[in-house]
Protein backbone atom coordinates (compact mmCIF):
# COMPACT_ATOMS: atom_id res chain seq x y z
CA MET A 1 0.00 0.00 0.00
CA LYS A 2 2.77 2.36 0.91
CA ARG A 3 4.48 1.86 -2.48
CA PHE A 4 1.16 2.51 -4.21
CA PHE A 5 0.61 5.82 -2.47
CA ILE A 6 4.15 6.93 -3.21
CA GLY A 7 3.58 6.07 -6.86
CA ALA A 8 0.26 7.89 -6.91
CA ALA A 9 1.81 10.96 -5.32
CA ALA A 10 4.60 10.94 -7.87
CA LEU A 11 2.07 10.54 -10.67
CA ALA A 12 0.04 13.45 -9.33
CA MET A 13 3.15 15.60 -9.24
CA THR A 14 4.16 14.74 -12.81
CA ALA A 15 0.69 14.86 -14.37
CA PRO A 16 0.70 18.65 -14.90
CA ALA A 17 4.14 18.45 -16.50
CA ILE A 18 3.01 15.62 -18.78
CA ALA A 19 -0.10 17.56 -19.73
CA GLN A 20 2.01 20.64 -20.50
CA GLU A 21 4.39 18.61 -22.66
CA ALA A 22 1.44 17.08 -24.52
CA GLU A 23 -0.03 20.52 -25.12
CA GLU A 24 3.29 21.86 -26.40
CA ALA A 25 3.73 18.81 -28.67
CA ALA A 26 0.20 18.98 -30.08
CA PRO A 27 0.04 20.29 -33.67
CA LYS A 28 -0.83 23.98 -33.79
CA THR A 29 -2.98 25.91 -36.21
CA VAL A 30 -1.51 28.78 -38.21
CA ALA A 31 -3.51 31.22 -36.09
CA GLU A 32 -2.09 29.73 -32.89
CA VAL A 33 1.46 30.05 -34.21
CA MET A 34 0.91 33.66 -35.24
CA GLU A 35 -0.38 34.42 -31.76
CA MET A 36 2.81 32.91 -30.32
CA ALA A 37 5.04 35.31 -32.24
CA GLY A 38 6.57 37.94 -29.99
CA ASP A 39 8.32 41.17 -30.87
CA ALA A 40 11.67 39.35 -31.05
CA ASP A 41 10.31 37.19 -33.89
CA TRP A 42 9.86 40.19 -36.19
CA ILE A 43 12.59 42.17 -37.93
CA ALA A 44 12.60 45.40 -39.92
CA PRO A 45 13.86 45.29 -43.52
CA ASN A 46 17.22 46.91 -44.20
CA PRO A 47 16.38 50.42 -45.49
CA ASP A 48 19.48 50.41 -47.71
CA SER A 49 18.17 47.25 -49.39
CA THR A 50 14.48 48.16 -49.69
CA ILE A 51 12.84 49.86 -52.68
CA TYR A 52 9.71 52.00 -52.43
CA MET A 53 8.14 51.99 -55.89
CA ARG A 54 5.09 54.16 -56.47
CA VAL A 55 2.57 53.72 -59.26
CA PRO A 56 -0.67 55.69 -59.68
CA HIS A 57 -2.78 53.19 -57.75
CA GLY A 58 -0.46 52.44 -54.86
CA LEU A 59 2.88 51.55 -53.29
CA ILE A 60 5.04 48.49 -53.91
CA VAL A 61 7.76 47.68 -51.37
CA ILE A 62 10.56 45.39 -52.54
CA VAL A 63 13.24 43.94 -50.28
CA LEU A 64 16.55 43.11 -51.96
CA SER A 65 18.77 40.21 -50.99
CA ASP A 66 21.65 40.98 -48.65
CA ASP A 67 23.03 37.46 -49.15
CA LEU A 68 22.99 36.59 -52.85
CA ALA A 69 23.31 38.17 -56.32
CA PRO A 70 25.43 41.15 -55.20
CA GLY A 71 26.03 42.37 -58.76
CA HIS A 72 22.32 42.61 -59.54
CA VAL A 73 21.54 44.18 -56.18
CA GLU A 74 24.20 46.85 -56.67
CA GLN A 75 22.98 47.49 -60.24
CA VAL A 76 19.37 48.12 -59.22
CA LYS A 77 20.48 50.29 -56.29
CA THR A 78 22.51 52.41 -58.69
CA LEU A 79 19.59 52.72 -61.10
CA VAL A 80 17.19 53.64 -58.29
CA ARG A 81 19.55 56.19 -56.71
CA GLU A 82 20.00 57.89 -60.09
CA GLY A 83 16.25 58.00 -60.77
CA TYR A 84 16.42 55.72 -63.78
CA TYR A 85 13.00 54.14 -63.28
CA ASP A 86 11.16 57.40 -62.61
CA GLY A 87 8.78 57.99 -65.50
CA LEU A 88 9.25 54.54 -67.02
CA ASN A 89 6.46 51.97 -67.14
CA PHE A 90 5.12 48.50 -66.59
CA TYR A 91 4.62 47.68 -70.27
CA ARG A 92 4.60 43.87 -70.49
CA VAL A 93 2.16 42.15 -68.16
CA ILE A 94 0.99 38.57 -68.64
CA ASP A 95 -1.83 37.31 -66.47
CA GLY A 96 -0.60 34.56 -64.16
CA PHE A 97 3.02 35.11 -65.21
CA VAL A 98 4.91 38.39 -64.71
CA ALA A 99 4.62 42.16 -64.63
CA GLN A 100 7.65 43.59 -66.44
CA GLY A 101 8.80 47.17 -66.13
CA GLY A 102 11.52 49.44 -67.44
CA ASP A 103 12.37 51.18 -70.68
CA ALA A 104 10.43 49.49 -73.49
CA ALA A 105 12.12 51.69 -76.09
CA GLU A 106 15.60 51.02 -74.66
CA GLU A 107 16.49 54.68 -75.13
CA LYS A 108 17.04 56.02 -71.60
CA ASP A 109 20.59 56.67 -70.46
CA LYS A 110 21.64 54.11 -67.85
CA GLY A 111 23.88 56.61 -66.11
CA SER A 112 26.63 54.94 -64.12
CA ALA A 113 24.93 51.53 -64.14
CA ALA A 114 26.52 48.63 -65.99
CA ALA A 115 25.52 48.04 -69.61
CA SER A 116 25.05 44.33 -68.85
CA LEU A 117 25.53 41.98 -65.92
CA VAL A 118 27.25 38.68 -65.35
CA ALA A 119 24.55 36.13 -64.57
CA GLU A 120 24.07 35.20 -60.91
CA TYR A 121 21.48 32.47 -61.43
CA GLU A 122 23.12 30.38 -58.70
CA GLU A 123 26.17 30.89 -56.54
CA PRO A 124 28.53 29.00 -54.24
CA ILE A 125 27.05 28.69 -50.76
CA PRO A 126 28.45 31.58 -48.68
CA ASP A 127 30.11 30.74 -45.37
CA GLY A 128 27.70 31.12 -42.47
CA LEU A 129 24.63 31.40 -44.70
CA ALA A 130 21.45 31.26 -42.60
CA PHE A 131 19.25 28.71 -44.39
CA THR A 132 15.99 27.49 -42.85
CA PRO A 133 15.01 24.23 -44.61
CA LEU A 134 11.42 23.53 -45.53
CA GLY A 135 11.89 19.91 -44.52
CA ASN A 136 10.22 17.99 -47.34
CA PHE A 137 10.68 17.03 -50.99
CA ASP A 138 10.94 19.81 -53.56
CA GLY A 139 10.69 19.25 -57.29
CA TYR A 140 13.14 21.99 -58.27
CA ALA A 141 15.92 21.69 -55.68
CA PRO A 142 17.53 19.03 -53.49
CA GLU A 143 16.53 21.27 -50.58
CA ALA A 144 14.14 24.19 -50.43
CA GLY A 145 13.81 26.73 -47.66
CA PHE A 146 14.30 30.35 -46.72
CA ILE A 147 17.30 32.67 -46.57
CA ASN A 148 16.49 35.68 -44.43
CA GLY A 149 12.94 35.92 -45.73
CA MET A 150 13.69 34.84 -49.29
CA PRO A 151 12.44 31.50 -50.70
CA ALA A 152 15.47 29.62 -51.96
CA GLY A 153 16.86 26.36 -53.26
CA ILE A 154 20.14 24.77 -52.26
CA ASP A 155 22.27 21.94 -53.62
CA ARG A 156 24.94 21.07 -51.10
CA GLU A 157 26.60 18.47 -53.33
CA ARG A 158 27.14 21.08 -56.04
CA ASP A 159 27.85 23.85 -53.50
CA SER A 160 25.09 25.92 -55.08
CA VAL A 161 22.31 28.18 -53.80
CA TRP A 162 19.74 30.42 -55.50
CA LEU A 163 16.57 32.40 -54.85
CA ALA A 164 13.30 30.96 -56.10
CA HIS A 165 10.59 32.29 -58.40
CA CYS A 166 7.71 32.34 -55.92
CA THR A 167 4.92 34.92 -56.15
CA GLY A 168 6.41 38.39 -55.78
CA ALA A 169 9.92 37.43 -56.86
CA PHE A 170 11.88 40.45 -58.14
CA ALA A 171 14.33 39.71 -60.94
CA PHE A 172 15.96 41.11 -64.05
CA GLY A 173 14.87 39.95 -67.49
CA ARG A 174 17.38 39.21 -70.23
CA ASN A 175 17.76 38.30 -73.87
CA ASN A 176 18.82 34.80 -74.92
CA GLU A 177 22.43 35.53 -74.07
CA ARG A 178 23.35 34.44 -70.55
CA ASP A 179 24.93 37.72 -69.44
CA SER A 180 22.49 40.14 -71.07
CA ALA A 181 20.48 41.36 -68.04
CA SER A 182 20.76 45.08 -67.46
CA THR A 183 17.78 47.21 -66.35
CA GLU A 184 14.45 45.56 -67.22
CA PHE A 185 12.89 43.97 -64.15
CA TYR A 186 9.91 41.72 -63.59
CA ILE A 187 7.75 40.68 -60.66
CA THR A 188 6.18 37.22 -60.74
CA LEU A 189 2.39 37.17 -60.41
CA GLN A 190 2.36 33.45 -59.58
CA PRO A 191 5.10 30.89 -58.85
CA GLN A 192 7.31 30.25 -61.89
CA ARG A 193 9.81 27.79 -60.47
CA TYR A 194 10.86 26.50 -63.90
CA LEU A 195 12.68 29.83 -64.27
CA ASP A 196 14.87 29.07 -61.24
CA ARG A 197 18.58 29.12 -62.18
CA ASN A 198 17.66 30.52 -65.61
CA LEU A 199 17.29 34.13 -64.48
CA THR A 200 18.57 35.98 -61.44
CA VAL A 201 16.12 36.57 -58.61
CA PHE A 202 17.49 39.11 -56.15
CA GLY A 203 14.52 40.40 -54.17
CA ARG A 204 10.84 40.01 -53.40
CA VAL A 205 7.75 42.14 -52.90
CA ILE A 206 6.82 42.27 -49.21
CA TRP A 207 4.11 44.94 -49.42
CA GLY A 208 1.72 45.94 -52.18
CA MET A 209 1.42 42.67 -54.06
CA ASP A 210 -2.23 43.58 -54.51
CA VAL A 211 -1.01 46.71 -56.29
CA VAL A 212 1.15 44.60 -58.61
CA GLN A 213 -1.75 42.24 -59.31
CA ALA A 214 -3.94 45.22 -60.27
CA ILE A 215 -1.58 46.39 -63.05
CA LYS A 216 -3.29 46.31 -66.45
CA ARG A 217 -2.55 43.15 -68.47
CA GLY A 218 -1.41 42.78 -72.04
CA ARG A 219 -2.68 40.21 -74.53
CA PRO A 220 -0.88 36.85 -74.57
CA ASN A 221 -0.80 36.82 -78.37
CA ASN A 222 1.37 39.94 -78.22
CA GLY A 223 3.81 38.45 -75.74
CA GLY A 224 2.08 40.34 -72.97
CA VAL A 225 3.26 43.71 -74.30
CA ILE A 226 0.47 46.26 -73.92
CA GLU A 227 -0.05 47.67 -77.41
CA ASN A 228 -1.51 51.03 -76.45
CA GLU A 229 1.13 53.00 -74.55
CA GLU A 230 -1.61 54.99 -72.85
CA ASP A 231 -2.53 51.76 -71.04
CA TRP A 232 0.96 51.28 -69.63
CA THR A 233 1.23 51.71 -65.87
CA PRO A 234 3.73 54.49 -65.12
CA ILE A 235 6.35 54.21 -62.41
CA LEU A 236 6.01 57.54 -60.63
CA SER A 237 9.12 57.00 -58.53
CA ALA A 238 11.46 54.35 -57.18
CA ARG A 239 13.56 55.14 -54.10
CA LEU A 240 15.63 53.26 -51.58
CA ALA A 241 13.88 53.38 -48.21
CA SER A 242 16.96 55.08 -46.77
CA ASP A 243 16.27 58.00 -49.13
CA VAL A 244 12.52 58.23 -48.46
CA PRO A 245 11.34 60.97 -46.06
CA GLU A 246 10.57 59.48 -42.66
CA GLU A 247 6.95 60.58 -42.77
CA GLU A 248 6.44 58.54 -45.97
CA LEU A 249 7.92 55.30 -44.62
CA LEU A 250 5.84 52.35 -43.50
CA ASP A 251 6.96 50.76 -40.23
CA LEU A 252 7.09 47.29 -41.76
CA GLN A 253 8.28 44.14 -40.05
CA MET A 254 8.92 40.69 -41.51
CA MET A 255 8.82 37.47 -39.56
CA ASP A 256 12.37 36.31 -38.87
CA THR A 257 12.77 33.10 -40.87
CA ASN A 258 15.63 32.10 -38.56
CA SER A 259 13.32 32.09 -35.53
CA ASP A 260 11.78 29.13 -33.71
CA VAL A 261 8.30 30.49 -34.33
CA PHE A 262 8.91 30.38 -38.09
CA LEU A 263 9.77 26.69 -37.76
CA GLU A 264 6.45 26.27 -35.97
CA LEU A 265 4.75 28.09 -38.84
CA ILE A 266 6.32 25.71 -41.35
CA GLU A 267 4.89 22.74 -39.46
CA ALA A 268 1.48 24.39 -39.08
CA ARG A 269 1.33 24.98 -42.83
CA ARG A 270 2.65 21.50 -43.66
CA ASN A 271 -0.25 19.86 -41.82
CA ARG A 272 -3.22 22.19 -41.55
CA MET A 273 -5.08 21.65 -38.31
CA GLY A 274 -8.45 22.86 -37.08
CA GLU A 275 -12.06 21.83 -37.42
CA PHE A 276 -12.22 22.66 -41.13
CA PHE A 277 -9.50 20.18 -42.20
CA TYR A 278 -10.19 16.43 -42.37
CA VAL A 279 -6.99 15.40 -44.18
CA GLN A 280 -3.41 16.45 -43.48
CA HIS A 281 -0.98 15.95 -46.36
CA ASP A 282 2.34 16.23 -44.51
CA TYR A 283 3.68 18.37 -47.35
CA LEU A 284 4.38 22.04 -47.93
CA ASP A 285 5.24 23.69 -51.22
CA LEU A 286 7.92 26.37 -50.94
CA CYS A 287 5.81 29.03 -52.63
CA GLN A 288 2.74 28.22 -50.57
CA LEU A 289 4.33 29.71 -47.45
CA GLN A 290 4.13 33.47 -47.84
CA LEU A 291 6.42 35.43 -45.54
CA PRO A 292 4.33 37.07 -42.80
CA VAL A 293 4.69 40.86 -42.92
CA ARG A 294 3.03 43.37 -40.61
CA LEU A 295 2.96 47.02 -39.68
CA LYS A 296 4.76 47.35 -36.36
CA PRO A 297 2.12 47.62 -33.62
CA VAL A 298 1.89 50.98 -31.91
CA GLU A 299 2.79 50.63 -28.25
CA GLY A 300 -0.35 50.27 -26.17
CA GLU A 301 -2.47 49.18 -29.14
CA SER A 302 -3.35 45.64 -30.17
CA GLU A 303 -2.52 44.42 -33.68
């Protein structure tokens, strides 16, 4: 009897701990994970690597990679600083594919920017690269995951890494020649992973994707080029956030893809829980997981 009561007492003492462990181990919904995220799980984009692009119907905010494609990143920063894109247009827009902008006539002086760029479709894996793996099969890369907010693929055997063409990818177009990219950019309207390692992705839209999606389309039988120039969508301005007046900046924050809560989000999206879902597929497509972005909450106010 004595041994029984000791065992019962021990069980009573450990029951709350077991219950807590079970609760922590239980699959979470996306909403539950988002509620878990604290201030430390959110980071502000680097203002020196963020473009504010204004069109007549809204603002598009593009974050550039601080890890990959340095030549392309420096090129677009030079073009933006020198006002190259101001007054140019989105002139080739294909529904479900891309919105392309720049100088359709190829007449505008590029200033101090390079005439063409060496391709950076994929690169050797940098030392200390922060890569958060998705954790399941990917059809376009041996491993898929995120590099500081950017969807990416990695091939460790080939010592190769690249950014992926998920919705909102920001990249330079080119001609058939490998090293012919220069100034014309595009934003993907839907995932276009077959373009991975064929063009250089070096950023992504984190705010205003609805603005991009609202840009007037061209006809597919004309290669997406909008025939009537009056229907082109003008780029009113493009500025680095570090050059934008403070009163015009948005206090944006991105979820830190190197955080534990982002790992929880991956799992919550891999197997969707909740009363609505009857089947869990134990799979997550890279482009299905959109990076959470928010306006920083004002102190004393709820989100």
